[in-house]
Amino acid sequence: MAWNPDQYLKFSEARLRPAVDLLARVDLGSPKLVYDLGCGAGNVTRLLADRWPDASITGVDASAEMLAQAAHAQTNVSWIRQSLADWEPSRPADLIFSNAALHWLPRHDTLFPKLLGHLAAGGVLAVQMPRNFSAPSHTLIAETVRHGSWRNRLEHLLHQAPVAEPRDYYEMLAPLARSIDIWETDYLQILHGADPVKEWTKGTWLKQFLDVLDEPERAEFEADYARRLRIAYPPLADGTTLFPFRRLFILAQRA
């Protein structure tokens, strides 16, 4: 899937806040080797570089468009274009940080223990993933898929929620971890403008569906989805739209 940095960064401040909250909980003094998996346009990678200026920091992402944006803005970071599913560090890392990326990968039961295994002793795995897939913002995508002429072309993209329950991640990581901290936060996103929830998902989950369609069907799909969203998330009298969004946080330190 080709990412659009401009669309994704429309809500850059709201998307960055969970990464800031996660980073504040990482208790590492002077890590030497740090990776940002799914670094995208490098917004979070810059925070890592600012906090640990003496560390070797590498951003990893599969999107050439996102990495081009990242490299333009940050010069003291190494960038690697690679699928996260195939990534392995050159040597054990002190910190593997991933903000809103690992939900795109399958088989978390093997992925998360593997990532923890890529850490040096005492190293930290810090992950944030959206866990909002049962909310109308996402279920209405499926509803729109199933009630249009595009159903046969899009239905194969529908699948179960990619993020498991918090307890599942504890059980995956506990055998390898010295300590584990897992929590969830419901952020109330305060959005403005026309159809802002559609614009939010258009930068992430919705994009994979739109990419399959040509005009004018793409516009028709967007309009149908937006109509459903306006019922689920009606704007307030001042035009503001409130969009609750749940995120899962995982901090695990390798034994």
Protein backbone atom coordinates (compact mmCIF):
# COMPACT_ATOMS: atom_id res chain seq x y z
CA MET A 1 0.00 0.00 0.00
CA ALA A 2 1.48 3.36 -1.06
CA TRP A 3 1.18 5.81 1.82
CA ASN A 4 0.29 9.47 1.44
CA PRO A 5 2.29 11.52 3.97
CA ASP A 6 0.14 14.63 3.48
CA GLN A 7 -3.10 12.76 4.25
CA TYR A 8 -1.58 10.96 7.24
CA LEU A 9 -0.11 14.15 8.69
CA LYS A 10 -3.41 16.07 8.55
CA PHE A 11 -3.86 14.93 12.14
CA SER A 12 -0.18 14.82 13.06
CA GLU A 13 -0.58 16.29 16.55
CA ALA A 14 -3.28 13.83 17.59
CA ARG A 15 -1.39 10.91 16.05
CA LEU A 16 1.80 11.95 17.83
CA ARG A 17 0.31 12.23 21.31
CA PRO A 18 0.21 8.45 22.03
CA ALA A 19 3.87 8.16 21.00
CA VAL A 20 4.76 10.96 23.42
CA ASP A 21 2.83 9.22 26.19
CA LEU A 22 4.58 5.92 25.47
CA LEU A 23 8.03 7.51 25.28
CA ALA A 24 7.51 9.15 28.66
CA ARG A 25 7.19 5.69 30.21
CA VAL A 26 10.41 4.28 28.71
CA ASP A 27 12.89 4.10 31.58
CA LEU A 28 16.26 3.87 29.82
CA GLY A 29 19.23 6.08 30.65
CA SER A 30 21.61 5.90 27.70
CA PRO A 31 20.60 3.32 25.09
CA LYS A 32 23.21 2.86 22.38
CA LEU A 33 21.14 1.22 19.65
CA VAL A 34 17.54 2.32 19.03
CA TYR A 35 15.12 1.31 16.27
CA ASP A 36 11.85 2.98 15.33
CA LEU A 37 9.77 0.36 13.51
CA GLY A 38 7.17 1.80 11.17
CA CYS A 39 8.77 5.22 11.46
CA GLY A 40 6.62 6.73 8.70
CA ALA A 41 7.44 10.40 8.16
CA GLY A 42 9.85 10.37 11.09
CA ASN A 43 7.86 12.42 13.59
CA VAL A 44 8.44 9.92 16.39
CA THR A 45 12.00 9.17 15.31
CA ARG A 46 12.84 12.83 15.87
CA LEU A 47 11.58 12.54 19.45
CA LEU A 48 13.85 9.54 20.00
CA ALA A 49 16.82 11.42 18.55
CA ASP A 50 16.11 14.44 20.75
CA ARG A 51 15.90 12.35 23.90
CA TRP A 52 18.99 10.24 23.19
CA PRO A 53 21.29 12.36 20.98
CA ASP A 54 24.27 10.03 21.51
CA ALA A 55 22.40 6.88 20.46
CA SER A 56 22.55 5.24 17.05
CA ILE A 57 18.97 5.61 15.86
CA THR A 58 17.44 3.93 12.81
CA GLY A 59 13.98 4.40 11.37
CA VAL A 60 12.54 1.44 9.48
CA ASP A 61 9.57 1.65 7.12
CA ALA A 62 8.37 0.01 3.91
CA SER A 63 7.05 3.23 2.37
CA ALA A 64 9.40 5.13 0.07
CA GLU A 65 7.07 8.14 0.22
CA MET A 66 7.13 8.27 4.01
CA LEU A 67 10.91 7.77 4.22
CA ALA A 68 11.52 10.55 1.71
CA GLN A 69 9.54 12.89 3.97
CA ALA A 70 11.43 11.63 7.03
CA ALA A 71 14.91 12.00 5.54
CA HIS A 72 14.15 15.53 4.41
CA ALA A 73 13.45 16.64 7.97
CA GLN A 74 15.96 14.67 10.05
CA THR A 75 19.63 14.22 9.17
CA ASN A 76 21.18 12.50 12.20
CA VAL A 77 19.12 9.32 11.83
CA SER A 78 19.67 6.30 9.58
CA TRP A 79 16.73 5.24 7.45
CA ILE A 80 16.04 1.74 6.14
CA ARG A 81 13.34 0.85 3.65
CA GLN A 82 12.22 -2.65 4.58
CA SER A 83 9.10 -4.59 5.40
CA LEU A 84 8.71 -4.86 9.16
CA ALA A 85 7.81 -8.52 8.70
CA ASP A 86 11.35 -9.19 7.43
CA TRP A 87 13.27 -6.84 9.72
CA GLU A 88 16.02 -8.02 12.05
CA PRO A 89 18.63 -5.83 13.76
CA SER A 90 22.31 -6.19 12.94
CA ARG A 91 22.95 -6.76 16.65
CA PRO A 92 20.76 -6.82 19.77
CA ALA A 93 19.07 -3.48 20.34
CA ASP A 94 18.62 -1.49 23.54
CA LEU A 95 15.23 -0.11 22.49
CA ILE A 96 12.73 -1.19 19.85
CA PHE A 97 10.03 1.45 19.60
CA SER A 98 6.95 1.15 17.40
CA ASN A 99 4.07 3.60 17.25
CA ALA A 100 0.90 2.63 15.36
CA ALA A 101 2.56 0.16 12.99
CA LEU A 102 2.58 -3.44 14.22
CA HIS A 103 -1.19 -3.88 13.82
CA TRP A 104 -0.49 -4.11 10.07
CA LEU A 105 1.43 -7.36 10.63
CA PRO A 106 -0.13 -10.78 11.25
CA ARG A 107 0.73 -13.50 13.79
CA HIS A 108 1.41 -11.38 16.83
CA ASP A 109 1.85 -14.58 18.83
CA THR A 110 5.17 -15.12 17.05
CA LEU A 111 6.00 -11.49 16.14
CA PHE A 112 6.10 -10.04 19.65
CA PRO A 113 8.31 -12.74 21.23
CA LYS A 114 10.62 -12.43 18.20
CA LEU A 115 10.94 -8.68 18.70
CA LEU A 116 11.65 -9.11 22.40
CA GLY A 117 14.30 -11.65 21.43
CA HIS A 118 16.04 -9.00 19.29
CA LEU A 119 16.82 -6.98 22.42
CA ALA A 120 19.95 -7.04 24.53
CA ALA A 121 19.52 -8.07 28.17
CA GLY A 122 17.61 -5.27 29.89
CA GLY A 123 16.50 -3.82 26.57
CA VAL A 124 12.97 -2.47 26.14
CA LEU A 125 10.22 -3.16 23.62
CA ALA A 126 7.83 -0.19 23.51
CA VAL A 127 4.73 -0.54 21.33
CA GLN A 128 1.54 1.42 20.76
CA MET A 129 -1.22 0.10 18.53
CA PRO A 130 -4.76 1.30 17.82
CA ARG A 131 -7.43 -0.95 19.33
CA ASN A 132 -10.44 0.85 17.92
CA PHE A 133 -11.51 -1.74 15.37
CA SER A 134 -14.92 -2.37 16.94
CA ALA A 135 -15.81 1.35 16.86
CA PRO A 136 -18.09 2.80 14.16
CA SER A 137 -15.12 4.42 12.42
CA HIS A 138 -14.01 0.93 11.42
CA THR A 139 -17.17 -1.19 11.46
CA LEU A 140 -18.82 1.26 9.06
CA ILE A 141 -16.05 0.61 6.56
CA ALA A 142 -17.17 -3.03 6.51
CA GLU A 143 -20.80 -1.96 6.27
CA THR A 144 -20.01 0.28 3.30
CA VAL A 145 -18.06 -2.52 1.62
CA ARG A 146 -20.95 -4.96 1.93
CA HIS A 147 -23.63 -2.58 0.64
CA GLY A 148 -22.18 -1.44 -2.64
CA SER A 149 -21.36 -2.59 -6.15
CA TRP A 150 -17.72 -2.92 -5.07
CA ARG A 151 -18.41 -5.73 -2.58
CA ASN A 152 -16.79 -8.53 -4.61
CA ARG A 153 -13.61 -6.51 -5.07
CA LEU A 154 -13.25 -5.29 -1.49
CA GLU A 155 -14.69 -7.94 0.81
CA HIS A 156 -11.47 -9.96 0.85
CA LEU A 157 -9.81 -7.03 2.63
CA LEU A 158 -12.13 -7.42 5.62
CA HIS A 159 -10.80 -9.55 8.43
CA GLN A 160 -10.84 -9.89 12.19
CA ALA A 161 -9.45 -7.12 14.35
CA PRO A 162 -5.65 -7.29 14.06
CA VAL A 163 -4.93 -6.37 17.70
CA ALA A 164 -5.57 -8.94 20.42
CA GLU A 165 -6.70 -8.46 24.01
CA PRO A 166 -4.16 -7.03 26.49
CA ARG A 167 -4.02 -10.35 28.34
CA ASP A 168 -2.89 -12.10 25.15
CA TYR A 169 0.17 -9.86 24.85
CA TYR A 170 1.08 -10.48 28.47
CA GLU A 171 1.01 -14.22 27.87
CA MET A 172 3.10 -13.85 24.68
CA LEU A 173 5.83 -11.82 26.38
CA ALA A 174 5.96 -13.04 29.99
CA PRO A 175 8.31 -16.02 29.36
CA LEU A 176 11.03 -13.68 28.00
CA ALA A 177 10.42 -10.54 30.02
CA ARG A 178 11.86 -9.17 33.24
CA SER A 179 8.95 -6.75 33.55
CA ILE A 180 5.80 -5.94 31.58
CA ASP A 181 3.52 -2.91 31.67
CA ILE A 182 0.36 -2.97 29.54
CA TRP A 183 -2.38 -0.35 29.52
CA GLU A 184 -5.05 1.21 27.35
CA THR A 185 -6.05 4.83 26.88
CA ASP A 186 -9.20 6.20 25.28
CA TYR A 187 -8.35 9.48 23.59
CA LEU A 188 -11.18 11.85 22.81
CA GLN A 189 -10.04 13.35 19.52
CA ILE A 190 -11.51 16.82 18.97
CA LEU A 191 -11.78 17.17 15.20
CA HIS A 192 -12.80 20.00 12.93
CA GLY A 193 -13.83 20.42 9.31
CA ALA A 194 -16.03 18.45 6.94
CA ASP A 195 -16.27 14.69 7.57
CA PRO A 196 -13.18 14.64 9.79
CA VAL A 197 -13.51 11.00 10.88
CA LYS A 198 -13.46 9.95 7.23
CA GLU A 199 -10.40 12.12 6.68
CA TRP A 200 -8.75 10.48 9.70
CA THR A 201 -9.30 6.91 8.51
CA LYS A 202 -8.50 7.89 4.92
CA GLY A 203 -4.90 8.36 6.05
CA THR A 204 -4.72 4.85 7.51
CA TRP A 205 -7.23 1.97 7.56
CA LEU A 206 -9.59 3.21 4.85
CA LYS A 207 -6.82 3.70 2.31
CA GLN A 208 -6.41 0.01 1.48
CA PHE A 209 -10.04 -0.07 0.30
CA LEU A 210 -9.94 3.15 -1.68
CA ASP A 211 -6.77 2.06 -3.49
CA VAL A 212 -8.65 -0.81 -5.16
CA LEU A 213 -11.26 1.49 -6.70
CA ASP A 214 -11.06 3.84 -9.66
CA GLU A 215 -12.95 7.07 -10.01
CA PRO A 216 -15.88 7.64 -9.81
CA GLU A 217 -16.43 4.59 -7.56
CA ARG A 218 -13.81 5.81 -5.10
CA ALA A 219 -15.71 9.06 -4.63
CA GLU A 220 -18.99 7.16 -4.34
CA PHE A 221 -17.53 4.87 -1.67
CA GLU A 222 -16.16 7.83 0.30
CA ALA A 223 -19.51 9.62 0.13
CA ASP A 224 -21.43 6.55 1.32
CA TYR A 225 -18.99 5.93 4.18
CA ALA A 226 -19.04 9.62 5.16
CA ARG A 227 -22.85 9.60 5.28
CA ARG A 228 -22.80 6.69 7.72
CA LEU A 229 -20.13 8.37 9.84
CA ARG A 230 -22.12 11.57 10.17
CA ILE A 231 -24.85 9.55 11.89
CA ALA A 232 -22.40 7.76 14.20
CA TYR A 233 -20.36 10.88 14.98
CA PRO A 234 -22.74 13.86 14.60
CA PRO A 235 -21.00 17.23 14.76
CA LEU A 236 -21.76 19.46 17.74
CA ALA A 237 -23.48 22.80 17.37
CA ASP A 238 -20.13 24.57 16.95
CA GLY A 239 -19.11 22.18 14.16
CA THR A 240 -16.69 20.15 16.29
CA THR A 241 -16.73 16.35 15.96
CA LEU A 242 -15.75 14.21 18.95
CA PHE A 243 -14.01 10.99 17.98
CA PRO A 244 -13.15 8.53 20.81
CA PHE A 245 -10.17 6.37 19.93
CA ARG A 246 -8.72 3.52 22.02
CA ARG A 247 -5.03 2.66 21.95
CA LEU A 248 -3.07 -0.22 23.50
CA PHE A 249 0.38 0.33 25.04
CA ILE A 250 2.96 -2.34 25.76
CA LEU A 251 6.29 -1.95 27.58
CA ALA A 252 8.33 -5.09 28.04
CA GLN A 253 11.90 -5.32 29.35
CA ARG A 254 13.91 -8.35 28.31
CA ALA A 255 15.24 -10.52 31.10
